[in-house]
Amino acid sequence: MKRILVLASMLIAITGAAMAQETPTAAPQPPTPQWTGPEVTLQTTMGDIVITLDTVGAPKTSRQFLGLVKSGHYNGAAFYRIEPGYLIQLGDLDARYQYRAPKRPPVPLETETNKHGRGAVGLAHADDPNSGLSTFYIDLAENAGLNATPGAPPNTTGYAAFGHVTAGMEVAEAIGAVERTPEGGPFPGKLPKVPVVVNKAVVTKEQAQ
């Protein structure tokens, strides 16, 4: 009987060791980016969204955005492009979806060292890559297709990711899920049925020293 118990104990120990060896080791996770640039809060009708700017990867674009915030350009701006699982966009249209021209010149494209990802904030532009003014968007997915084209000359393709949502991503997601109207706006079918507006955009932290 004692021999049987010893054999059983050995079998359990061997089986346990084998199971332990088969348990996969969790892959190391990449470090979370530490955003240390100026901080802007969009006080929207659905909640606050905090954006920290990337003054290293997109210094000119960050200054453009910061200047527009300080001038009050985004106060009263409405989201007018809602694409669930892709992005939400705003900048130049008010709550009645009327155009308001920004009082700043276009900013040169900066896409050499910054990347898109869920929560990234990018500057829109027309066909001319150096035509970005004040319209911006928040990525609701990785959106790698908005990055610079590999192998292209620096700062000639893609869209500049000049910041990242560091608080209030759930608000951005909620905005991305609002009901849309089938017509109207520059992007038919993507206009919110009930306007979602930035009551005020404020600088809540200046550049970290």
N, C-alpha and C. Protein backbone atom coordinates (compact mmCIF):
# COMPACT_ATOMS: atom_id res chain seq x y z
N MET A 1 0.83 -1.20 0.00
CA MET A 1 0.00 0.00 0.00
C MET A 1 0.87 1.25 0.00
N LYS A 2 1.94 1.20 0.83
CA LYS A 2 2.84 2.34 0.92
C LYS A 2 3.50 2.58 -0.43
N ARG A 3 3.86 1.49 -1.15
CA ARG A 3 4.50 1.60 -2.47
C ARG A 3 3.57 2.28 -3.46
N ILE A 4 2.26 1.91 -3.41
CA ILE A 4 1.26 2.50 -4.32
C ILE A 4 1.15 4.00 -4.08
N LEU A 5 1.12 4.41 -2.78
CA LEU A 5 1.01 5.83 -2.45
C LEU A 5 2.21 6.61 -2.95
N VAL A 6 3.41 6.02 -2.80
CA VAL A 6 4.63 6.68 -3.26
C VAL A 6 4.59 6.87 -4.77
N LEU A 7 4.17 5.82 -5.49
CA LEU A 7 4.08 5.92 -6.95
C LEU A 7 3.06 6.96 -7.37
N ALA A 8 1.93 7.02 -6.66
CA ALA A 8 0.88 8.00 -6.97
C ALA A 8 1.39 9.41 -6.75
N SER A 9 2.14 9.62 -5.66
CA SER A 9 2.69 10.95 -5.36
C SER A 9 3.68 11.37 -6.43
N MET A 10 4.51 10.43 -6.89
CA MET A 10 5.48 10.74 -7.93
C MET A 10 4.78 11.11 -9.23
N LEU A 11 3.67 10.35 -9.55
CA LEU A 11 2.93 10.63 -10.77
C LEU A 11 2.31 12.02 -10.73
N ILE A 12 1.74 12.40 -9.59
CA ILE A 12 1.15 13.73 -9.44
C ILE A 12 2.21 14.80 -9.59
N ALA A 13 3.37 14.60 -8.99
CA ALA A 13 4.46 15.59 -9.06
C ALA A 13 4.93 15.77 -10.49
N ILE A 14 5.09 14.62 -11.23
CA ILE A 14 5.56 14.69 -12.61
C ILE A 14 4.53 15.40 -13.48
N THR A 15 3.24 15.05 -13.30
CA THR A 15 2.16 15.67 -14.08
C THR A 15 2.10 17.16 -13.82
N GLY A 16 2.22 17.53 -12.54
CA GLY A 16 2.18 18.95 -12.17
C GLY A 16 3.33 19.72 -12.80
N ALA A 17 4.52 19.11 -12.82
CA ALA A 17 5.68 19.77 -13.42
C ALA A 17 5.47 19.97 -14.91
N ALA A 18 4.88 18.94 -15.57
CA ALA A 18 4.63 19.04 -17.00
C ALA A 18 3.64 20.15 -17.28
N MET A 19 2.58 20.23 -16.47
CA MET A 19 1.57 21.29 -16.66
C MET A 19 2.19 22.66 -16.46
N ALA A 20 3.08 22.75 -15.45
CA ALA A 20 3.72 24.04 -15.18
C ALA A 20 4.57 24.47 -16.36
N GLN A 21 5.24 23.50 -16.99
CA GLN A 21 6.09 23.81 -18.13
C GLN A 21 5.28 24.24 -19.34
N GLU A 22 4.04 23.71 -19.46
CA GLU A 22 3.21 24.02 -20.61
C GLU A 22 2.48 25.36 -20.48
N THR A 23 2.43 25.93 -19.28
CA THR A 23 1.74 27.20 -19.09
C THR A 23 2.49 28.31 -19.82
N PRO A 24 1.85 28.99 -20.79
CA PRO A 24 2.55 30.02 -21.57
C PRO A 24 2.90 31.23 -20.72
N THR A 25 4.03 31.80 -21.00
CA THR A 25 4.45 33.01 -20.31
C THR A 25 3.86 34.21 -21.02
N ALA A 26 3.23 35.11 -20.26
CA ALA A 26 2.60 36.29 -20.86
C ALA A 26 3.65 37.14 -21.57
N ALA A 27 3.32 37.54 -22.78
CA ALA A 27 4.25 38.37 -23.55
C ALA A 27 4.37 39.74 -22.90
N PRO A 28 5.57 40.30 -22.85
CA PRO A 28 5.74 41.63 -22.26
C PRO A 28 4.96 42.68 -23.03
N GLN A 29 4.28 43.57 -22.32
CA GLN A 29 3.49 44.61 -22.95
C GLN A 29 4.34 45.85 -23.22
N PRO A 30 4.10 46.51 -24.36
CA PRO A 30 4.87 47.72 -24.63
C PRO A 30 4.54 48.81 -23.61
N PRO A 31 5.50 49.65 -23.28
CA PRO A 31 5.24 50.70 -22.29
C PRO A 31 4.20 51.69 -22.79
N THR A 32 3.37 52.19 -21.89
CA THR A 32 2.39 53.21 -22.25
C THR A 32 3.11 54.53 -22.50
N PRO A 33 2.82 55.19 -23.64
CA PRO A 33 3.50 56.47 -23.92
C PRO A 33 3.26 57.48 -22.80
N GLN A 34 4.29 58.20 -22.44
CA GLN A 34 4.17 59.22 -21.41
C GLN A 34 4.05 60.59 -22.09
N TRP A 35 2.82 61.05 -22.23
CA TRP A 35 2.57 62.32 -22.90
C TRP A 35 2.81 63.46 -21.91
N THR A 36 3.70 64.38 -22.24
CA THR A 36 4.09 65.43 -21.29
C THR A 36 3.89 66.83 -21.85
N GLY A 37 3.29 66.95 -23.03
CA GLY A 37 3.10 68.28 -23.62
C GLY A 37 1.95 69.03 -23.00
N PRO A 38 1.60 70.19 -23.58
CA PRO A 38 0.47 70.97 -23.08
C PRO A 38 -0.81 70.14 -23.12
N GLU A 39 -1.74 70.49 -22.26
CA GLU A 39 -2.99 69.74 -22.13
C GLU A 39 -4.17 70.65 -22.44
N VAL A 40 -5.07 70.17 -23.28
CA VAL A 40 -6.27 70.92 -23.64
C VAL A 40 -7.49 70.09 -23.28
N THR A 41 -8.49 70.73 -22.69
CA THR A 41 -9.74 70.05 -22.37
C THR A 41 -10.86 70.57 -23.25
N LEU A 42 -11.51 69.65 -23.96
CA LEU A 42 -12.70 69.99 -24.74
C LEU A 42 -13.90 69.73 -23.85
N GLN A 43 -14.59 70.78 -23.47
CA GLN A 43 -15.78 70.65 -22.63
C GLN A 43 -16.99 70.53 -23.56
N THR A 44 -17.35 69.29 -23.87
CA THR A 44 -18.42 69.06 -24.84
C THR A 44 -19.77 68.87 -24.15
N THR A 45 -20.82 68.87 -24.95
CA THR A 45 -22.16 68.67 -24.41
C THR A 45 -22.37 67.23 -23.95
N MET A 46 -21.41 66.36 -24.18
CA MET A 46 -21.51 64.97 -23.72
C MET A 46 -20.44 64.61 -22.70
N GLY A 47 -19.64 65.60 -22.29
CA GLY A 47 -18.59 65.34 -21.31
C GLY A 47 -17.25 65.89 -21.76
N ASP A 48 -16.27 65.81 -20.89
CA ASP A 48 -14.95 66.37 -21.16
C ASP A 48 -14.03 65.36 -21.83
N ILE A 49 -13.22 65.87 -22.77
CA ILE A 49 -12.18 65.09 -23.42
C ILE A 49 -10.87 65.84 -23.23
N VAL A 50 -9.90 65.19 -22.63
CA VAL A 50 -8.60 65.81 -22.37
C VAL A 50 -7.60 65.33 -23.43
N ILE A 51 -6.94 66.29 -24.08
CA ILE A 51 -5.96 65.99 -25.12
C ILE A 51 -4.60 66.50 -24.68
N THR A 52 -3.59 65.63 -24.70
CA THR A 52 -2.22 66.05 -24.41
C THR A 52 -1.47 66.12 -25.74
N LEU A 53 -0.84 67.24 -25.99
CA LEU A 53 -0.21 67.48 -27.28
C LEU A 53 1.20 66.87 -27.36
N ASP A 54 1.56 66.47 -28.57
CA ASP A 54 2.89 65.90 -28.83
C ASP A 54 3.76 67.00 -29.45
N THR A 55 4.41 67.77 -28.61
CA THR A 55 5.23 68.88 -29.09
C THR A 55 6.58 68.43 -29.62
N VAL A 56 6.89 67.14 -29.47
CA VAL A 56 8.14 66.59 -30.00
C VAL A 56 7.91 66.03 -31.41
N GLY A 57 6.87 65.20 -31.56
CA GLY A 57 6.60 64.58 -32.84
C GLY A 57 5.92 65.49 -33.85
N ALA A 58 5.20 66.51 -33.35
CA ALA A 58 4.49 67.43 -34.25
C ALA A 58 4.47 68.83 -33.64
N PRO A 59 5.63 69.47 -33.52
CA PRO A 59 5.71 70.77 -32.84
C PRO A 59 4.91 71.89 -33.51
N LYS A 60 4.97 71.99 -34.83
CA LYS A 60 4.25 73.07 -35.53
C LYS A 60 2.74 72.86 -35.47
N THR A 61 2.32 71.62 -35.62
CA THR A 61 0.90 71.30 -35.57
C THR A 61 0.36 71.54 -34.17
N SER A 62 1.14 71.18 -33.16
CA SER A 62 0.73 71.40 -31.77
C SER A 62 0.56 72.89 -31.49
N ARG A 63 1.51 73.70 -31.99
CA ARG A 63 1.42 75.15 -31.78
C ARG A 63 0.19 75.72 -32.50
N GLN A 64 -0.10 75.20 -33.67
CA GLN A 64 -1.28 75.63 -34.42
C GLN A 64 -2.55 75.38 -33.61
N PHE A 65 -2.67 74.16 -33.11
CA PHE A 65 -3.85 73.77 -32.34
C PHE A 65 -3.96 74.59 -31.05
N LEU A 66 -2.84 74.74 -30.36
CA LEU A 66 -2.83 75.48 -29.11
C LEU A 66 -3.23 76.94 -29.35
N GLY A 67 -2.73 77.54 -30.43
CA GLY A 67 -3.09 78.92 -30.75
C GLY A 67 -4.57 79.07 -31.04
N LEU A 68 -5.14 78.09 -31.73
CA LEU A 68 -6.57 78.14 -32.04
C LEU A 68 -7.42 77.98 -30.78
N VAL A 69 -6.96 77.12 -29.88
CA VAL A 69 -7.67 76.97 -28.60
C VAL A 69 -7.67 78.29 -27.84
N LYS A 70 -6.51 78.90 -27.74
CA LYS A 70 -6.39 80.14 -26.97
C LYS A 70 -7.16 81.30 -27.61
N SER A 71 -7.34 81.24 -28.92
CA SER A 71 -8.09 82.31 -29.60
C SER A 71 -9.59 82.11 -29.48
N GLY A 72 -10.02 80.96 -28.96
CA GLY A 72 -11.44 80.68 -28.81
C GLY A 72 -12.09 80.08 -30.05
N HIS A 73 -11.28 79.69 -31.04
CA HIS A 73 -11.84 79.19 -32.29
C HIS A 73 -12.73 77.96 -32.10
N TYR A 74 -12.37 77.08 -31.17
CA TYR A 74 -13.12 75.85 -31.02
C TYR A 74 -14.34 75.98 -30.10
N ASN A 75 -14.51 77.12 -29.46
CA ASN A 75 -15.69 77.31 -28.62
C ASN A 75 -16.94 77.36 -29.52
N GLY A 76 -17.85 76.43 -29.29
CA GLY A 76 -19.05 76.36 -30.12
C GLY A 76 -18.91 75.47 -31.34
N ALA A 77 -17.74 74.85 -31.52
CA ALA A 77 -17.53 73.96 -32.67
C ALA A 77 -18.32 72.67 -32.48
N ALA A 78 -18.89 72.16 -33.58
CA ALA A 78 -19.70 70.94 -33.52
C ALA A 78 -19.00 69.79 -34.23
N PHE A 79 -19.21 68.60 -33.71
CA PHE A 79 -18.75 67.40 -34.39
C PHE A 79 -19.66 67.20 -35.60
N TYR A 80 -19.07 67.00 -36.76
CA TYR A 80 -19.89 66.86 -37.97
C TYR A 80 -19.57 65.62 -38.80
N ARG A 81 -18.63 64.84 -38.33
CA ARG A 81 -18.32 63.58 -39.02
C ARG A 81 -18.20 62.48 -37.97
N ILE A 82 -19.17 61.60 -37.96
CA ILE A 82 -19.20 60.51 -36.99
C ILE A 82 -19.10 59.19 -37.74
N GLU A 83 -18.01 58.47 -37.52
CA GLU A 83 -17.82 57.17 -38.15
C GLU A 83 -17.46 56.16 -37.06
N PRO A 84 -18.46 55.43 -36.54
CA PRO A 84 -18.20 54.47 -35.47
C PRO A 84 -17.06 53.50 -35.82
N GLY A 85 -16.18 53.30 -34.87
CA GLY A 85 -15.06 52.39 -35.09
C GLY A 85 -13.97 52.95 -35.98
N TYR A 86 -14.09 54.25 -36.33
CA TYR A 86 -13.07 54.87 -37.18
C TYR A 86 -12.62 56.19 -36.58
N LEU A 87 -13.46 57.24 -36.65
CA LEU A 87 -13.07 58.53 -36.08
C LEU A 87 -14.27 59.44 -35.88
N ILE A 88 -14.04 60.51 -35.13
CA ILE A 88 -15.00 61.61 -34.99
C ILE A 88 -14.24 62.89 -35.33
N GLN A 89 -14.90 63.83 -36.04
CA GLN A 89 -14.19 65.00 -36.57
C GLN A 89 -14.96 66.28 -36.29
N LEU A 90 -14.21 67.36 -36.10
CA LEU A 90 -14.79 68.67 -35.82
C LEU A 90 -13.76 69.76 -36.13
N GLY A 91 -14.18 71.01 -35.94
CA GLY A 91 -13.20 72.09 -36.07
C GLY A 91 -13.75 73.38 -36.63
N ASP A 92 -14.38 73.34 -37.80
CA ASP A 92 -14.74 74.59 -38.48
C ASP A 92 -16.24 74.85 -38.60
N LEU A 93 -17.09 73.92 -38.15
CA LEU A 93 -18.53 74.12 -38.23
C LEU A 93 -19.10 74.36 -36.84
N ASP A 94 -20.08 75.29 -36.77
CA ASP A 94 -20.70 75.58 -35.48
C ASP A 94 -21.91 74.67 -35.25
N ALA A 95 -22.68 74.95 -34.19
CA ALA A 95 -23.81 74.10 -33.83
C ALA A 95 -24.89 74.07 -34.91
N ARG A 96 -24.92 75.06 -35.79
CA ARG A 96 -25.87 75.06 -36.92
C ARG A 96 -25.21 74.51 -38.17
N TYR A 97 -24.00 74.00 -38.01
CA TYR A 97 -23.20 73.43 -39.10
C TYR A 97 -22.88 74.49 -40.16
N GLN A 98 -22.62 75.70 -39.66
CA GLN A 98 -22.18 76.78 -40.52
C GLN A 98 -20.66 76.91 -40.41
N TYR A 99 -20.01 77.21 -41.53
CA TYR A 99 -18.56 77.28 -41.57
C TYR A 99 -18.02 78.53 -40.87
N ARG A 100 -16.95 78.35 -40.11
CA ARG A 100 -16.25 79.46 -39.46
C ARG A 100 -14.77 79.35 -39.83
N ALA A 101 -14.29 80.32 -40.58
CA ALA A 101 -12.89 80.27 -41.05
C ALA A 101 -11.92 80.53 -39.90
N PRO A 102 -10.90 79.71 -39.76
CA PRO A 102 -9.88 79.95 -38.73
C PRO A 102 -9.00 81.13 -39.13
N LYS A 103 -8.59 81.90 -38.16
CA LYS A 103 -7.77 83.09 -38.44
C LYS A 103 -6.28 82.76 -38.28
N ARG A 104 -5.88 81.69 -38.94
CA ARG A 104 -4.48 81.29 -38.94
C ARG A 104 -4.15 80.68 -40.29
N PRO A 105 -2.91 80.80 -40.74
CA PRO A 105 -2.52 80.19 -42.02
C PRO A 105 -2.37 78.67 -41.88
N PRO A 106 -2.32 77.96 -42.99
CA PRO A 106 -2.13 76.49 -42.93
C PRO A 106 -0.79 76.15 -42.28
N VAL A 107 -0.71 74.93 -41.79
CA VAL A 107 0.51 74.47 -41.13
C VAL A 107 1.16 73.38 -41.98
N PRO A 108 2.49 73.37 -42.11
CA PRO A 108 3.16 72.32 -42.89
C PRO A 108 2.91 70.94 -42.28
N LEU A 109 2.83 69.95 -43.14
CA LEU A 109 2.58 68.58 -42.68
C LEU A 109 3.75 68.05 -41.86
N GLU A 110 3.42 67.37 -40.77
CA GLU A 110 4.43 66.74 -39.90
C GLU A 110 4.01 65.29 -39.64
N THR A 111 4.56 64.38 -40.42
CA THR A 111 4.20 62.97 -40.24
C THR A 111 5.42 62.06 -40.15
N GLU A 112 6.60 62.64 -40.05
CA GLU A 112 7.82 61.83 -40.10
C GLU A 112 7.98 60.93 -38.89
N THR A 113 7.62 61.44 -37.70
CA THR A 113 7.91 60.66 -36.49
C THR A 113 6.71 60.36 -35.62
N ASN A 114 5.50 60.79 -36.00
CA ASN A 114 4.34 60.49 -35.17
C ASN A 114 3.46 59.43 -35.82
N LYS A 115 2.70 58.73 -35.00
CA LYS A 115 1.88 57.62 -35.48
C LYS A 115 0.45 57.71 -34.94
N HIS A 116 -0.48 57.16 -35.72
CA HIS A 116 -1.86 57.09 -35.29
C HIS A 116 -2.09 55.85 -34.43
N GLY A 117 -3.19 55.85 -33.74
CA GLY A 117 -3.58 54.76 -32.87
C GLY A 117 -4.87 55.17 -32.19
N ARG A 118 -5.53 54.23 -31.54
CA ARG A 118 -6.77 54.57 -30.86
C ARG A 118 -6.51 55.69 -29.84
N GLY A 119 -7.28 56.76 -29.95
CA GLY A 119 -7.11 57.90 -29.05
C GLY A 119 -6.20 58.98 -29.59
N ALA A 120 -5.54 58.72 -30.72
CA ALA A 120 -4.69 59.76 -31.31
C ALA A 120 -5.55 60.89 -31.86
N VAL A 121 -4.98 62.08 -31.90
CA VAL A 121 -5.68 63.26 -32.41
C VAL A 121 -4.91 63.75 -33.63
N GLY A 122 -5.57 63.83 -34.77
CA GLY A 122 -4.89 64.18 -36.01
C GLY A 122 -5.47 65.42 -36.66
N LEU A 123 -4.65 66.10 -37.44
CA LEU A 123 -5.08 67.29 -38.17
C LEU A 123 -5.47 66.89 -39.59
N ALA A 124 -6.68 67.27 -39.99
CA ALA A 124 -7.15 66.97 -41.34
C ALA A 124 -6.54 67.96 -42.33
N HIS A 125 -6.49 67.54 -43.59
CA HIS A 125 -6.04 68.45 -44.64
C HIS A 125 -6.69 68.06 -45.95
N ALA A 126 -6.65 68.93 -46.95
CA ALA A 126 -7.19 68.65 -48.27
C ALA A 126 -6.15 67.87 -49.08
N ASP A 127 -6.28 67.88 -50.40
CA ASP A 127 -5.32 67.15 -51.24
C ASP A 127 -3.89 67.64 -51.04
N ASP A 128 -3.74 68.93 -50.82
CA ASP A 128 -2.42 69.49 -50.53
C ASP A 128 -2.05 69.10 -49.10
N PRO A 129 -1.00 68.32 -48.91
CA PRO A 129 -0.65 67.88 -47.55
C PRO A 129 -0.29 69.02 -46.60
N ASN A 130 0.02 70.19 -47.15
CA ASN A 130 0.37 71.35 -46.31
C ASN A 130 -0.80 72.31 -46.15
N SER A 131 -2.02 71.80 -46.28
CA SER A 131 -3.20 72.66 -46.21
C SER A 131 -3.97 72.54 -44.90
N GLY A 132 -3.41 71.81 -43.92
CA GLY A 132 -4.10 71.66 -42.64
C GLY A 132 -4.29 72.98 -41.92
N LEU A 133 -5.51 73.20 -41.43
CA LEU A 133 -5.81 74.46 -40.73
C LEU A 133 -6.26 74.19 -39.29
N SER A 134 -7.53 73.84 -39.13
CA SER A 134 -8.04 73.67 -37.77
C SER A 134 -8.95 72.46 -37.60
N THR A 135 -9.38 71.85 -38.69
CA THR A 135 -10.21 70.66 -38.58
C THR A 135 -9.37 69.50 -38.06
N PHE A 136 -9.86 68.86 -37.01
CA PHE A 136 -9.12 67.73 -36.44
C PHE A 136 -10.06 66.59 -36.11
N TYR A 137 -9.50 65.45 -35.80
CA TYR A 137 -10.31 64.26 -35.53
C TYR A 137 -9.66 63.46 -34.41
N ILE A 138 -10.46 62.56 -33.84
CA ILE A 138 -9.98 61.65 -32.81
C ILE A 138 -10.15 60.23 -33.33
N ASP A 139 -9.07 59.47 -33.34
CA ASP A 139 -9.12 58.08 -33.81
C ASP A 139 -9.87 57.20 -32.81
N LEU A 140 -10.84 56.45 -33.32
CA LEU A 140 -11.55 55.47 -32.49
C LEU A 140 -10.99 54.07 -32.70
N ALA A 141 -9.98 53.94 -33.57
CA ALA A 141 -9.31 52.67 -33.84
C ALA A 141 -7.84 52.95 -34.11
N GLU A 142 -7.09 51.93 -34.47
CA GLU A 142 -5.66 52.11 -34.70
C GLU A 142 -5.39 53.01 -35.92
N ASN A 143 -6.17 52.86 -36.98
CA ASN A 143 -6.10 53.74 -38.16
C ASN A 143 -4.68 53.93 -38.70
N ALA A 144 -3.96 52.83 -38.84
CA ALA A 144 -2.59 52.91 -39.36
C ALA A 144 -2.54 53.46 -40.78
N GLY A 145 -3.64 53.35 -41.51
CA GLY A 145 -3.69 53.87 -42.87
C GLY A 145 -3.58 55.38 -42.96
N LEU A 146 -3.70 56.06 -41.82
CA LEU A 146 -3.57 57.52 -41.81
C LEU A 146 -2.13 57.96 -41.56
N ASN A 147 -1.24 57.00 -41.30
CA ASN A 147 0.18 57.33 -41.10
C ASN A 147 0.85 57.66 -42.43
N ALA A 148 2.05 58.15 -42.36
CA ALA A 148 2.83 58.40 -43.57
C ALA A 148 3.05 57.11 -44.33
N THR A 149 3.09 57.19 -45.65
CA THR A 149 3.33 56.02 -46.48
C THR A 149 4.80 55.58 -46.35
N PRO A 150 5.05 54.33 -46.00
CA PRO A 150 6.44 53.87 -45.87
C PRO A 150 7.24 54.10 -47.16
N GLY A 151 8.42 54.66 -47.02
CA GLY A 151 9.28 54.90 -48.17
C GLY A 151 9.05 56.22 -48.87
N ALA A 152 7.98 56.93 -48.52
CA ALA A 152 7.71 58.23 -49.15
C ALA A 152 8.64 59.29 -48.56
N PRO A 153 8.90 60.36 -49.29
CA PRO A 153 9.71 61.45 -48.73
C PRO A 153 9.09 61.96 -47.43
N PRO A 154 9.90 62.36 -46.47
CA PRO A 154 9.38 62.82 -45.18
C PRO A 154 8.38 63.96 -45.33
N ASN A 155 7.33 63.89 -44.52
CA ASN A 155 6.33 64.96 -44.42
C ASN A 155 5.64 65.29 -45.74
N THR A 156 5.34 64.23 -46.50
CA THR A 156 4.62 64.44 -47.76
C THR A 156 3.34 63.61 -47.84
N THR A 157 3.16 62.65 -46.95
CA THR A 157 1.98 61.79 -46.99
C THR A 157 1.42 61.60 -45.58
N GLY A 158 0.19 61.13 -45.52
CA GLY A 158 -0.45 60.86 -44.24
C GLY A 158 -0.99 62.11 -43.57
N TYR A 159 -1.36 61.94 -42.31
CA TYR A 159 -1.93 63.03 -41.51
C TYR A 159 -1.19 63.10 -40.18
N ALA A 160 -0.92 64.30 -39.73
CA ALA A 160 -0.14 64.49 -38.50
C ALA A 160 -0.96 64.11 -37.27
N ALA A 161 -0.44 63.18 -36.48
CA ALA A 161 -1.02 62.85 -35.18
C ALA A 161 -0.30 63.72 -34.15
N PHE A 162 -0.94 64.80 -33.75
CA PHE A 162 -0.27 65.81 -32.93
C PHE A 162 -0.60 65.72 -31.44
N GLY A 163 -1.37 64.73 -31.06
CA GLY A 163 -1.71 64.59 -29.65
C GLY A 163 -2.40 63.28 -29.38
N HIS A 164 -2.86 63.12 -28.15
CA HIS A 164 -3.50 61.88 -27.75
C HIS A 164 -4.51 62.18 -26.64
N VAL A 165 -5.65 61.50 -26.70
CA VAL A 165 -6.64 61.62 -25.63
C VAL A 165 -6.09 60.93 -24.39
N THR A 166 -5.92 61.68 -23.32
CA THR A 166 -5.39 61.10 -22.08
C THR A 166 -6.43 60.96 -20.99
N ALA A 167 -7.64 61.48 -21.24
CA ALA A 167 -8.78 61.29 -20.33
C ALA A 167 -10.04 61.58 -21.14
N GLY A 168 -11.09 60.83 -20.87
CA GLY A 168 -12.35 61.06 -21.55
C GLY A 168 -12.51 60.30 -22.85
N MET A 169 -11.73 59.22 -23.03
CA MET A 169 -11.88 58.44 -24.26
C MET A 169 -13.28 57.84 -24.33
N GLU A 170 -13.87 57.56 -23.17
CA GLU A 170 -15.22 57.02 -23.16
C GLU A 170 -16.23 58.03 -23.72
N VAL A 171 -15.92 59.32 -23.54
CA VAL A 171 -16.78 60.36 -24.10
C VAL A 171 -16.65 60.36 -25.62
N ALA A 172 -15.42 60.26 -26.11
CA ALA A 172 -15.19 60.19 -27.56
C ALA A 172 -15.91 58.99 -28.16
N GLU A 173 -15.86 57.85 -27.48
CA GLU A 173 -16.54 56.66 -27.96
C GLU A 173 -18.05 56.86 -27.98
N ALA A 174 -18.58 57.53 -26.95
CA ALA A 174 -20.02 57.79 -26.89
C ALA A 174 -20.44 58.72 -28.03
N ILE A 175 -19.62 59.72 -28.32
CA ILE A 175 -19.92 60.61 -29.44
C ILE A 175 -19.92 59.81 -30.74
N GLY A 176 -19.00 58.87 -30.85
CA GLY A 176 -18.91 58.03 -32.04
C GLY A 176 -20.08 57.09 -32.21
N ALA A 177 -20.94 57.00 -31.19
CA ALA A 177 -22.08 56.08 -31.25
C ALA A 177 -23.42 56.81 -31.35
N VAL A 178 -23.40 58.14 -31.48
CA VAL A 178 -24.67 58.88 -31.52
C VAL A 178 -25.42 58.59 -32.82
N GLU A 179 -26.71 58.83 -32.77
CA GLU A 179 -27.55 58.62 -33.96
C GLU A 179 -27.20 59.67 -35.02
N ARG A 180 -27.15 59.23 -36.25
CA ARG A 180 -26.79 60.12 -37.35
C ARG A 180 -27.96 60.33 -38.30
N THR A 181 -27.93 61.45 -39.00
CA THR A 181 -28.95 61.73 -40.01
C THR A 181 -28.45 61.26 -41.36
N PRO A 182 -29.34 60.75 -42.23
CA PRO A 182 -28.89 60.21 -43.51
C PRO A 182 -28.42 61.27 -44.51
N GLU A 183 -28.73 62.53 -44.24
CA GLU A 183 -28.36 63.59 -45.18
C GLU A 183 -27.73 64.75 -44.43
N GLY A 184 -27.16 65.68 -45.20
CA GLY A 184 -26.63 66.91 -44.62
C GLY A 184 -25.17 66.84 -44.26
N GLY A 185 -24.54 68.02 -44.21
CA GLY A 185 -23.14 68.10 -43.84
C GLY A 185 -22.22 67.72 -44.98
N PRO A 186 -20.93 67.96 -44.79
CA PRO A 186 -19.94 67.62 -45.83
C PRO A 186 -19.72 66.12 -45.99
N PHE A 187 -20.18 65.33 -45.02
CA PHE A 187 -20.06 63.87 -45.08
C PHE A 187 -21.46 63.28 -44.90
N PRO A 188 -22.24 63.15 -45.97
CA PRO A 188 -23.61 62.66 -45.87
C PRO A 188 -23.71 61.33 -45.12
N GLY A 189 -24.68 61.28 -44.21
CA GLY A 189 -24.88 60.08 -43.42
C GLY A 189 -24.03 60.00 -42.18
N LYS A 190 -23.17 61.00 -41.97
CA LYS A 190 -22.25 60.97 -40.82
C LYS A 190 -22.44 62.16 -39.88
N LEU A 191 -23.51 62.92 -40.12
CA LEU A 191 -23.80 64.10 -39.29
C LEU A 191 -24.67 63.69 -38.11
N PRO A 192 -24.33 64.11 -36.88
CA PRO A 192 -25.18 63.76 -35.74
C PRO A 192 -26.59 64.32 -35.89
N LYS A 193 -27.58 63.52 -35.54
CA LYS A 193 -28.96 63.98 -35.61
C LYS A 193 -29.19 65.11 -34.62
N VAL A 194 -28.60 64.98 -33.44
CA VAL A 194 -28.62 66.05 -32.42
C VAL A 194 -27.19 66.56 -32.31
N PRO A 195 -26.97 67.86 -32.54
CA PRO A 195 -25.60 68.39 -32.52
C PRO A 195 -24.86 68.09 -31.22
N VAL A 196 -23.60 67.69 -31.35
CA VAL A 196 -22.70 67.53 -30.21
C VAL A 196 -21.68 68.65 -30.33
N VAL A 197 -21.62 69.50 -29.33
CA VAL A 197 -20.88 70.76 -29.45
C VAL A 197 -19.81 70.89 -28.36
N VAL A 198 -18.70 71.54 -28.71
CA VAL A 198 -17.69 71.92 -27.73
C VAL A 198 -18.14 73.25 -27.13
N ASN A 199 -18.61 73.22 -25.90
CA ASN A 199 -19.00 74.47 -25.24
C ASN A 199 -17.80 75.39 -25.09
N LYS A 200 -16.68 74.78 -24.70
CA LYS A 200 -15.46 75.56 -24.52
C LYS A 200 -14.23 74.64 -24.61
N ALA A 201 -13.20 75.12 -25.26
CA ALA A 201 -11.92 74.42 -25.27
C ALA A 201 -10.92 75.28 -24.49
N VAL A 202 -10.30 74.69 -23.50
CA VAL A 202 -9.41 75.44 -22.61
C VAL A 202 -8.07 74.74 -22.45
N VAL A 203 -7.02 75.53 -22.28
CA VAL A 203 -5.70 74.98 -21.97
C VAL A 203 -5.67 74.72 -20.47
N THR A 204 -5.57 73.47 -20.09
CA THR A 204 -5.59 73.12 -18.67
C THR A 204 -4.20 72.83 -18.11
N LYS A 205 -3.21 72.75 -19.00
CA LYS A 205 -1.82 72.60 -18.55
C LYS A 205 -0.90 73.08 -19.65
N GLU A 206 0.04 73.92 -19.29
CA GLU A 206 1.02 74.39 -20.26
C GLU A 206 2.12 73.34 -20.40
N GLN A 207 3.04 73.59 -21.29
CA GLN A 207 4.14 72.65 -21.53
C GLN A 207 4.89 72.31 -20.24
N ALA A 208 5.09 71.01 -20.01
CA ALA A 208 5.84 70.56 -18.83
C ALA A 208 7.29 71.01 -18.98
N GLN A 209 7.91 71.38 -17.89
CA GLN A 209 9.31 71.82 -17.90
C GLN A 209 10.25 70.65 -17.73
